Amino acid sequence: MAVRIRLRRTGKKKQAYFRLVAADSRSPRDGRFLEVLGDYRPIETPAKVELKEERVFYWLNQGAVPSQTVSSLFKQIGLTKKWELAKKGEDVSGVQLAKEIKEKKKKKRPKKKAKEVEKEQPKEKEAEKPSEEAKTKPEETK
């Protein structure tokens, strides 16, 4: 049985709330699971994550594979670093996990200046008008 650590959706419509669960990889997203490992609340600002660290480490030791989203969450709160240090046998008692996930800044596109906008508009108008050559009929030769 291949075990995955993944998100299970709960909550109301448009108010998503997720539980981190250990589940058989063949079961559906909101279907049967083995154990609840924590909560993830993306709606709150900043987003909050609560985990049962001991149980997450247990399942990782058993060979459970986190989903792509869960592994991203683990990296953001620092669990991945703690797990790697624990595997090496180093002391991890001083490593604290973050309870909140900071929002990433959105990339802004530079605004167009008024001059650039004016330059673009005449080009569009020229493309719409037929050229002067097309207006004049070519002379017929006999």
N, C-alpha and C. Protein backbone atom coordinates (compact mmCIF):
# COMPACT_ATOMS: atom_id res chain seq x y z
N MET A 1 0.85 -1.18 0.00
CA MET A 1 0.00 0.00 0.00
C MET A 1 0.89 1.24 0.00
N ALA A 2 0.71 2.10 -1.00
CA ALA A 2 1.47 3.34 -1.11
C ALA A 2 0.73 4.43 -0.35
N VAL A 3 1.39 4.98 0.65
CA VAL A 3 0.77 6.02 1.49
C VAL A 3 1.26 7.38 1.04
N ARG A 4 0.33 8.31 0.94
CA ARG A 4 0.65 9.70 0.60
C ARG A 4 0.16 10.61 1.71
N ILE A 5 0.91 11.66 1.96
CA ILE A 5 0.46 12.72 2.86
C ILE A 5 -0.11 13.80 1.95
N ARG A 6 -1.39 14.08 2.09
CA ARG A 6 -2.02 15.03 1.19
C ARG A 6 -3.10 15.83 1.89
N LEU A 7 -3.70 16.76 1.15
CA LEU A 7 -4.75 17.62 1.70
C LEU A 7 -6.11 17.00 1.45
N ARG A 8 -6.99 17.14 2.43
CA ARG A 8 -8.37 16.70 2.32
C ARG A 8 -9.23 17.93 2.54
N ARG A 9 -10.07 18.26 1.57
CA ARG A 9 -10.85 19.50 1.63
C ARG A 9 -12.05 19.36 2.54
N THR A 10 -12.21 20.36 3.40
CA THR A 10 -13.40 20.46 4.25
C THR A 10 -13.82 21.93 4.22
N GLY A 11 -14.84 22.27 4.96
CA GLY A 11 -15.27 23.67 5.00
C GLY A 11 -16.41 23.93 4.03
N LYS A 12 -16.91 25.15 4.08
CA LYS A 12 -18.04 25.54 3.24
C LYS A 12 -17.58 25.92 1.85
N LYS A 13 -18.56 26.13 0.99
CA LYS A 13 -18.27 26.57 -0.36
C LYS A 13 -17.60 27.94 -0.30
N LYS A 14 -16.53 28.10 -1.07
CA LYS A 14 -15.75 29.34 -1.15
C LYS A 14 -15.04 29.67 0.16
N GLN A 15 -15.04 28.76 1.12
CA GLN A 15 -14.31 28.94 2.38
C GLN A 15 -13.55 27.66 2.68
N ALA A 16 -12.57 27.39 1.83
CA ALA A 16 -11.82 26.14 1.92
C ALA A 16 -11.03 26.05 3.21
N TYR A 17 -11.01 24.84 3.74
CA TYR A 17 -10.28 24.50 4.94
C TYR A 17 -9.77 23.10 4.68
N PHE A 18 -8.50 22.85 4.89
CA PHE A 18 -7.93 21.56 4.54
C PHE A 18 -7.38 20.85 5.76
N ARG A 19 -7.44 19.52 5.71
CA ARG A 19 -6.78 18.69 6.71
C ARG A 19 -5.65 17.94 6.02
N LEU A 20 -4.51 17.87 6.68
CA LEU A 20 -3.42 17.06 6.17
C LEU A 20 -3.66 15.65 6.68
N VAL A 21 -3.71 14.69 5.76
CA VAL A 21 -4.00 13.31 6.15
C VAL A 21 -2.99 12.37 5.51
N ALA A 22 -2.81 11.23 6.15
CA ALA A 22 -2.08 10.13 5.55
C ALA A 22 -3.14 9.22 4.96
N ALA A 23 -3.05 8.97 3.64
CA ALA A 23 -4.07 8.19 2.96
C ALA A 23 -3.43 7.28 1.93
N ASP A 24 -4.14 6.21 1.61
CA ASP A 24 -3.73 5.33 0.52
C ASP A 24 -3.79 6.14 -0.78
N SER A 25 -2.79 6.01 -1.61
CA SER A 25 -2.73 6.82 -2.83
C SER A 25 -3.87 6.51 -3.79
N ARG A 26 -4.50 5.35 -3.66
CA ARG A 26 -5.59 4.96 -4.56
C ARG A 26 -6.94 5.51 -4.13
N SER A 27 -7.06 5.98 -2.90
CA SER A 27 -8.35 6.49 -2.43
C SER A 27 -8.57 7.91 -2.93
N PRO A 28 -9.84 8.34 -3.10
CA PRO A 28 -10.12 9.69 -3.61
C PRO A 28 -9.71 10.78 -2.63
N ARG A 29 -9.68 12.02 -3.13
CA ARG A 29 -9.20 13.15 -2.33
C ARG A 29 -9.92 13.27 -1.00
N ASP A 30 -11.24 13.22 -1.01
CA ASP A 30 -12.01 13.37 0.23
C ASP A 30 -12.51 12.03 0.76
N GLY A 31 -11.90 10.96 0.31
CA GLY A 31 -12.34 9.63 0.71
C GLY A 31 -11.64 9.13 1.96
N ARG A 32 -11.48 7.83 2.00
CA ARG A 32 -10.92 7.15 3.15
C ARG A 32 -9.47 7.59 3.41
N PHE A 33 -9.12 7.71 4.69
CA PHE A 33 -7.76 8.09 5.06
C PHE A 33 -7.35 7.30 6.29
N LEU A 34 -6.06 7.29 6.58
CA LEU A 34 -5.54 6.51 7.69
C LEU A 34 -5.47 7.33 8.98
N GLU A 35 -5.02 8.59 8.86
CA GLU A 35 -4.85 9.41 10.06
C GLU A 35 -4.81 10.89 9.70
N VAL A 36 -5.38 11.72 10.57
CA VAL A 36 -5.31 13.17 10.41
C VAL A 36 -3.99 13.65 11.03
N LEU A 37 -3.21 14.40 10.25
CA LEU A 37 -1.90 14.86 10.70
C LEU A 37 -1.83 16.34 11.03
N GLY A 38 -2.86 17.09 10.61
CA GLY A 38 -2.85 18.52 10.89
C GLY A 38 -3.91 19.26 10.11
N ASP A 39 -3.85 20.59 10.17
CA ASP A 39 -4.81 21.46 9.50
C ASP A 39 -4.07 22.52 8.71
N TYR A 40 -4.73 22.99 7.65
CA TYR A 40 -4.22 24.10 6.82
C TYR A 40 -5.39 25.01 6.50
N ARG A 41 -5.27 26.29 6.89
CA ARG A 41 -6.34 27.27 6.66
C ARG A 41 -5.82 28.40 5.77
N PRO A 42 -6.03 28.26 4.46
CA PRO A 42 -5.51 29.27 3.53
C PRO A 42 -6.31 30.56 3.49
N ILE A 43 -7.56 30.55 3.95
CA ILE A 43 -8.41 31.73 3.89
C ILE A 43 -7.95 32.80 4.88
N GLU A 44 -7.44 32.38 6.01
CA GLU A 44 -6.99 33.35 7.01
C GLU A 44 -5.77 34.10 6.49
N THR A 45 -5.61 35.33 6.96
CA THR A 45 -4.47 36.13 6.55
C THR A 45 -3.59 36.39 7.76
N PRO A 46 -2.40 35.93 7.84
CA PRO A 46 -1.73 35.00 6.93
C PRO A 46 -2.25 33.57 7.11
N ALA A 47 -2.02 32.73 6.12
CA ALA A 47 -2.49 31.34 6.16
C ALA A 47 -1.83 30.61 7.33
N LYS A 48 -2.60 29.72 7.98
CA LYS A 48 -2.10 29.03 9.16
C LYS A 48 -1.98 27.54 8.92
N VAL A 49 -0.95 26.94 9.52
CA VAL A 49 -0.71 25.50 9.42
C VAL A 49 -0.46 24.97 10.82
N GLU A 50 -1.17 23.90 11.17
CA GLU A 50 -0.94 23.22 12.44
C GLU A 50 -0.65 21.77 12.12
N LEU A 51 0.42 21.23 12.72
CA LEU A 51 0.82 19.85 12.44
C LEU A 51 1.06 19.07 13.72
N LYS A 52 0.88 17.77 13.63
CA LYS A 52 1.33 16.84 14.67
C LYS A 52 2.67 16.30 14.17
N GLU A 53 3.74 16.97 14.58
CA GLU A 53 5.06 16.67 14.04
C GLU A 53 5.47 15.22 14.21
N GLU A 54 5.23 14.67 15.39
CA GLU A 54 5.65 13.30 15.66
C GLU A 54 4.99 12.33 14.69
N ARG A 55 3.70 12.55 14.43
CA ARG A 55 2.98 11.65 13.53
C ARG A 55 3.42 11.85 12.07
N VAL A 56 3.72 13.08 11.68
CA VAL A 56 4.22 13.33 10.33
C VAL A 56 5.56 12.63 10.14
N PHE A 57 6.46 12.75 11.12
CA PHE A 57 7.75 12.07 11.04
C PHE A 57 7.58 10.55 11.02
N TYR A 58 6.62 10.04 11.78
CA TYR A 58 6.35 8.61 11.78
C TYR A 58 6.00 8.14 10.37
N TRP A 59 5.06 8.85 9.71
CA TRP A 59 4.62 8.43 8.38
C TRP A 59 5.73 8.61 7.35
N LEU A 60 6.54 9.65 7.50
CA LEU A 60 7.67 9.81 6.59
C LEU A 60 8.68 8.68 6.76
N ASN A 61 8.89 8.23 8.01
CA ASN A 61 9.76 7.09 8.26
C ASN A 61 9.20 5.81 7.66
N GLN A 62 7.90 5.68 7.61
CA GLN A 62 7.25 4.50 7.06
C GLN A 62 7.25 4.51 5.52
N GLY A 63 7.69 5.60 4.92
CA GLY A 63 7.79 5.67 3.48
C GLY A 63 6.68 6.46 2.81
N ALA A 64 5.90 7.19 3.58
CA ALA A 64 4.84 8.01 2.98
C ALA A 64 5.47 9.14 2.17
N VAL A 65 4.84 9.46 1.05
CA VAL A 65 5.34 10.50 0.16
C VAL A 65 4.38 11.67 0.21
N PRO A 66 4.86 12.88 0.53
CA PRO A 66 3.96 14.04 0.52
C PRO A 66 3.60 14.44 -0.91
N SER A 67 2.38 14.92 -1.08
CA SER A 67 1.96 15.43 -2.39
C SER A 67 2.75 16.69 -2.69
N GLN A 68 2.65 17.16 -3.91
CA GLN A 68 3.40 18.35 -4.31
C GLN A 68 3.01 19.56 -3.46
N THR A 69 1.73 19.75 -3.22
CA THR A 69 1.26 20.88 -2.43
C THR A 69 1.72 20.76 -0.98
N VAL A 70 1.62 19.57 -0.43
CA VAL A 70 2.03 19.37 0.96
C VAL A 70 3.53 19.56 1.12
N SER A 71 4.31 19.07 0.16
CA SER A 71 5.76 19.27 0.27
C SER A 71 6.11 20.76 0.20
N SER A 72 5.34 21.52 -0.59
CA SER A 72 5.54 22.97 -0.65
C SER A 72 5.22 23.60 0.71
N LEU A 73 4.14 23.16 1.33
CA LEU A 73 3.80 23.67 2.67
C LEU A 73 4.89 23.32 3.68
N PHE A 74 5.38 22.10 3.61
CA PHE A 74 6.44 21.67 4.53
C PHE A 74 7.69 22.54 4.38
N LYS A 75 8.04 22.89 3.15
CA LYS A 75 9.20 23.75 2.92
C LYS A 75 8.98 25.13 3.51
N GLN A 76 7.77 25.66 3.33
CA GLN A 76 7.49 27.01 3.79
C GLN A 76 7.50 27.13 5.30
N ILE A 77 7.10 26.08 6.01
CA ILE A 77 7.09 26.17 7.48
C ILE A 77 8.38 25.65 8.10
N GLY A 78 9.26 25.03 7.29
CA GLY A 78 10.55 24.57 7.79
C GLY A 78 10.60 23.12 8.19
N LEU A 79 9.58 22.36 7.92
CA LEU A 79 9.55 20.95 8.31
C LEU A 79 10.52 20.12 7.48
N THR A 80 10.73 20.47 6.23
CA THR A 80 11.64 19.73 5.36
C THR A 80 13.07 19.78 5.90
N LYS A 81 13.51 20.97 6.31
CA LYS A 81 14.86 21.10 6.87
C LYS A 81 14.99 20.29 8.16
N LYS A 82 13.96 20.37 8.99
CA LYS A 82 13.98 19.63 10.25
C LYS A 82 14.04 18.12 9.99
N TRP A 83 13.30 17.66 8.99
CA TRP A 83 13.28 16.25 8.65
C TRP A 83 14.65 15.80 8.14
N GLU A 84 15.29 16.60 7.30
CA GLU A 84 16.61 16.25 6.77
C GLU A 84 17.65 16.19 7.89
N LEU A 85 17.58 17.15 8.82
CA LEU A 85 18.51 17.13 9.95
C LEU A 85 18.28 15.90 10.83
N ALA A 86 17.03 15.55 11.05
CA ALA A 86 16.70 14.39 11.87
C ALA A 86 17.20 13.10 11.21
N LYS A 87 17.10 13.01 9.90
CA LYS A 87 17.58 11.82 9.18
C LYS A 87 19.09 11.67 9.32
N LYS A 88 19.81 12.81 9.37
CA LYS A 88 21.26 12.77 9.51
C LYS A 88 21.68 12.42 10.94
N GLY A 89 20.74 12.51 11.88
CA GLY A 89 21.04 12.20 13.27
C GLY A 89 21.43 13.42 14.08
N GLU A 90 21.24 14.60 13.54
CA GLU A 90 21.59 15.82 14.27
C GLU A 90 20.48 16.20 15.24
N ASP A 91 20.81 17.10 16.16
CA ASP A 91 19.85 17.56 17.16
C ASP A 91 18.88 18.56 16.52
N VAL A 92 17.57 18.29 16.62
CA VAL A 92 16.57 19.16 16.02
C VAL A 92 15.68 19.81 17.07
N SER A 93 16.08 19.70 18.33
CA SER A 93 15.24 20.25 19.40
C SER A 93 15.14 21.78 19.33
N GLY A 94 16.15 22.44 18.77
CA GLY A 94 16.14 23.90 18.69
C GLY A 94 15.43 24.44 17.45
N VAL A 95 15.08 23.56 16.52
CA VAL A 95 14.45 24.02 15.27
C VAL A 95 12.96 24.21 15.52
N GLN A 96 12.48 25.43 15.27
CA GLN A 96 11.06 25.75 15.44
C GLN A 96 10.38 25.83 14.08
N LEU A 97 9.18 25.31 14.01
CA LEU A 97 8.40 25.40 12.77
C LEU A 97 7.55 26.66 12.80
N ALA A 98 7.36 27.24 11.64
CA ALA A 98 6.50 28.41 11.52
C ALA A 98 5.04 27.96 11.58
N LYS A 99 4.21 28.75 12.22
CA LYS A 99 2.78 28.45 12.29
C LYS A 99 2.01 29.15 11.19
N GLU A 100 2.63 30.16 10.58
CA GLU A 100 1.96 30.95 9.55
C GLU A 100 2.79 30.95 8.29
N ILE A 101 2.10 31.09 7.17
CA ILE A 101 2.78 31.15 5.88
C ILE A 101 2.63 32.57 5.34
N LYS A 102 3.74 33.18 5.04
CA LYS A 102 3.71 34.54 4.52
C LYS A 102 3.23 34.53 3.07
N GLU A 103 2.48 35.55 2.71
CA GLU A 103 2.00 35.66 1.33
C GLU A 103 3.13 36.13 0.44
N LYS A 104 3.17 35.59 -0.77
CA LYS A 104 4.17 36.01 -1.73
C LYS A 104 3.71 37.30 -2.39
N LYS A 105 4.66 38.16 -2.69
CA LYS A 105 4.31 39.40 -3.36
C LYS A 105 3.92 39.10 -4.80
N LYS A 106 2.90 39.79 -5.27
CA LYS A 106 2.46 39.61 -6.64
C LYS A 106 3.36 40.42 -7.56
N LYS A 107 3.64 39.85 -8.70
CA LYS A 107 4.46 40.55 -9.68
C LYS A 107 3.61 41.60 -10.36
N LYS A 108 4.15 42.80 -10.47
CA LYS A 108 3.43 43.89 -11.11
C LYS A 108 4.03 44.15 -12.48
N ARG A 109 3.14 44.34 -13.44
CA ARG A 109 3.60 44.72 -14.76
C ARG A 109 3.79 46.23 -14.78
N PRO A 110 4.81 46.70 -15.47
CA PRO A 110 4.99 48.16 -15.54
C PRO A 110 3.84 48.80 -16.31
N LYS A 111 3.39 49.94 -15.82
CA LYS A 111 2.30 50.65 -16.48
C LYS A 111 2.83 51.34 -17.72
N LYS A 112 1.97 51.41 -18.75
CA LYS A 112 2.35 52.09 -19.97
C LYS A 112 2.19 53.59 -19.77
N LYS A 113 3.13 54.33 -20.31
CA LYS A 113 3.05 55.78 -20.23
C LYS A 113 2.07 56.27 -21.29
N ALA A 114 1.55 57.47 -21.11
CA ALA A 114 0.56 58.04 -22.03
C ALA A 114 1.13 58.16 -23.44
N LYS A 115 2.40 58.50 -23.56
CA LYS A 115 3.01 58.65 -24.88
C LYS A 115 3.03 57.31 -25.62
N GLU A 116 3.34 56.24 -24.92
CA GLU A 116 3.37 54.92 -25.54
C GLU A 116 1.99 54.51 -26.01
N VAL A 117 0.96 54.82 -25.23
CA VAL A 117 -0.40 54.49 -25.60
C VAL A 117 -0.82 55.25 -26.85
N GLU A 118 -0.46 56.54 -26.94
CA GLU A 118 -0.79 57.36 -28.10
C GLU A 118 -0.09 56.85 -29.35
N LYS A 119 1.13 56.41 -29.21
CA LYS A 119 1.87 55.89 -30.36
C LYS A 119 1.22 54.63 -30.90
N GLU A 120 0.70 53.79 -30.02
CA GLU A 120 0.09 52.54 -30.44
C GLU A 120 -1.25 52.78 -31.14
N GLN A 121 -2.02 53.73 -30.69
CA GLN A 121 -3.35 53.97 -31.26
C GLN A 121 -3.32 54.37 -32.73
N PRO A 122 -2.47 55.31 -33.18
CA PRO A 122 -2.45 55.64 -34.61
C PRO A 122 -2.07 54.45 -35.48
N LYS A 123 -1.22 53.60 -35.00
CA LYS A 123 -0.84 52.42 -35.77
C LYS A 123 -2.06 51.54 -36.02
N GLU A 124 -2.91 51.41 -35.03
CA GLU A 124 -4.11 50.62 -35.19
C GLU A 124 -5.04 51.26 -36.20
N LYS A 125 -5.16 52.60 -36.18
CA LYS A 125 -6.03 53.31 -37.12
C LYS A 125 -5.52 53.16 -38.54
N GLU A 126 -4.20 53.22 -38.73
CA GLU A 126 -3.62 53.07 -40.05
C GLU A 126 -3.90 51.68 -40.61
N ALA A 127 -3.84 50.70 -39.76
CA ALA A 127 -4.08 49.34 -40.21
C ALA A 127 -5.53 49.16 -40.66
N GLU A 128 -6.45 49.90 -40.04
CA GLU A 128 -7.86 49.78 -40.38
C GLU A 128 -8.15 50.45 -41.73
N LYS A 129 -7.50 51.58 -42.04
CA LYS A 129 -7.75 52.30 -43.29
C LYS A 129 -7.03 51.61 -44.44
N PRO A 130 -7.68 51.52 -45.60
CA PRO A 130 -6.97 50.95 -46.75
C PRO A 130 -5.93 51.94 -47.24
N SER A 131 -4.87 51.44 -47.76
CA SER A 131 -3.79 52.32 -48.22
C SER A 131 -4.21 53.08 -49.47
N GLU A 132 -3.49 54.17 -49.77
CA GLU A 132 -3.82 55.01 -50.93
C GLU A 132 -3.65 54.26 -52.23
N GLU A 133 -2.70 53.36 -52.30
CA GLU A 133 -2.47 52.58 -53.50
C GLU A 133 -3.67 51.70 -53.81
N ALA A 134 -4.29 51.17 -52.79
CA ALA A 134 -5.44 50.31 -52.98
C ALA A 134 -6.64 51.11 -53.45
N LYS A 135 -6.70 52.41 -53.08
CA LYS A 135 -7.82 53.25 -53.47
C LYS A 135 -7.79 53.54 -54.97
N THR A 136 -6.63 53.85 -55.52
CA THR A 136 -6.52 54.18 -56.95
C THR A 136 -6.57 52.89 -57.76
N LYS A 137 -7.35 52.91 -58.79
CA LYS A 137 -7.48 51.73 -59.64
C LYS A 137 -6.32 51.72 -60.61
N PRO A 138 -5.73 50.57 -60.80
CA PRO A 138 -4.65 50.51 -61.78
C PRO A 138 -5.21 50.70 -63.19
N GLU A 139 -4.43 51.39 -64.02
CA GLU A 139 -4.86 51.65 -65.38
C GLU A 139 -4.86 50.37 -66.20
N GLU A 140 -5.88 50.25 -66.97
CA GLU A 140 -5.96 49.06 -67.79
C GLU A 140 -5.15 49.27 -69.06
N THR A 141 -4.37 48.33 -69.42
CA THR A 141 -3.57 48.42 -70.62
C THR A 141 -4.10 47.46 -71.67
N LYS A 142 -4.11 47.92 -72.95
CA LYS A 142 -4.61 47.06 -74.03
C LYS A 142 -3.51 46.67 -74.96
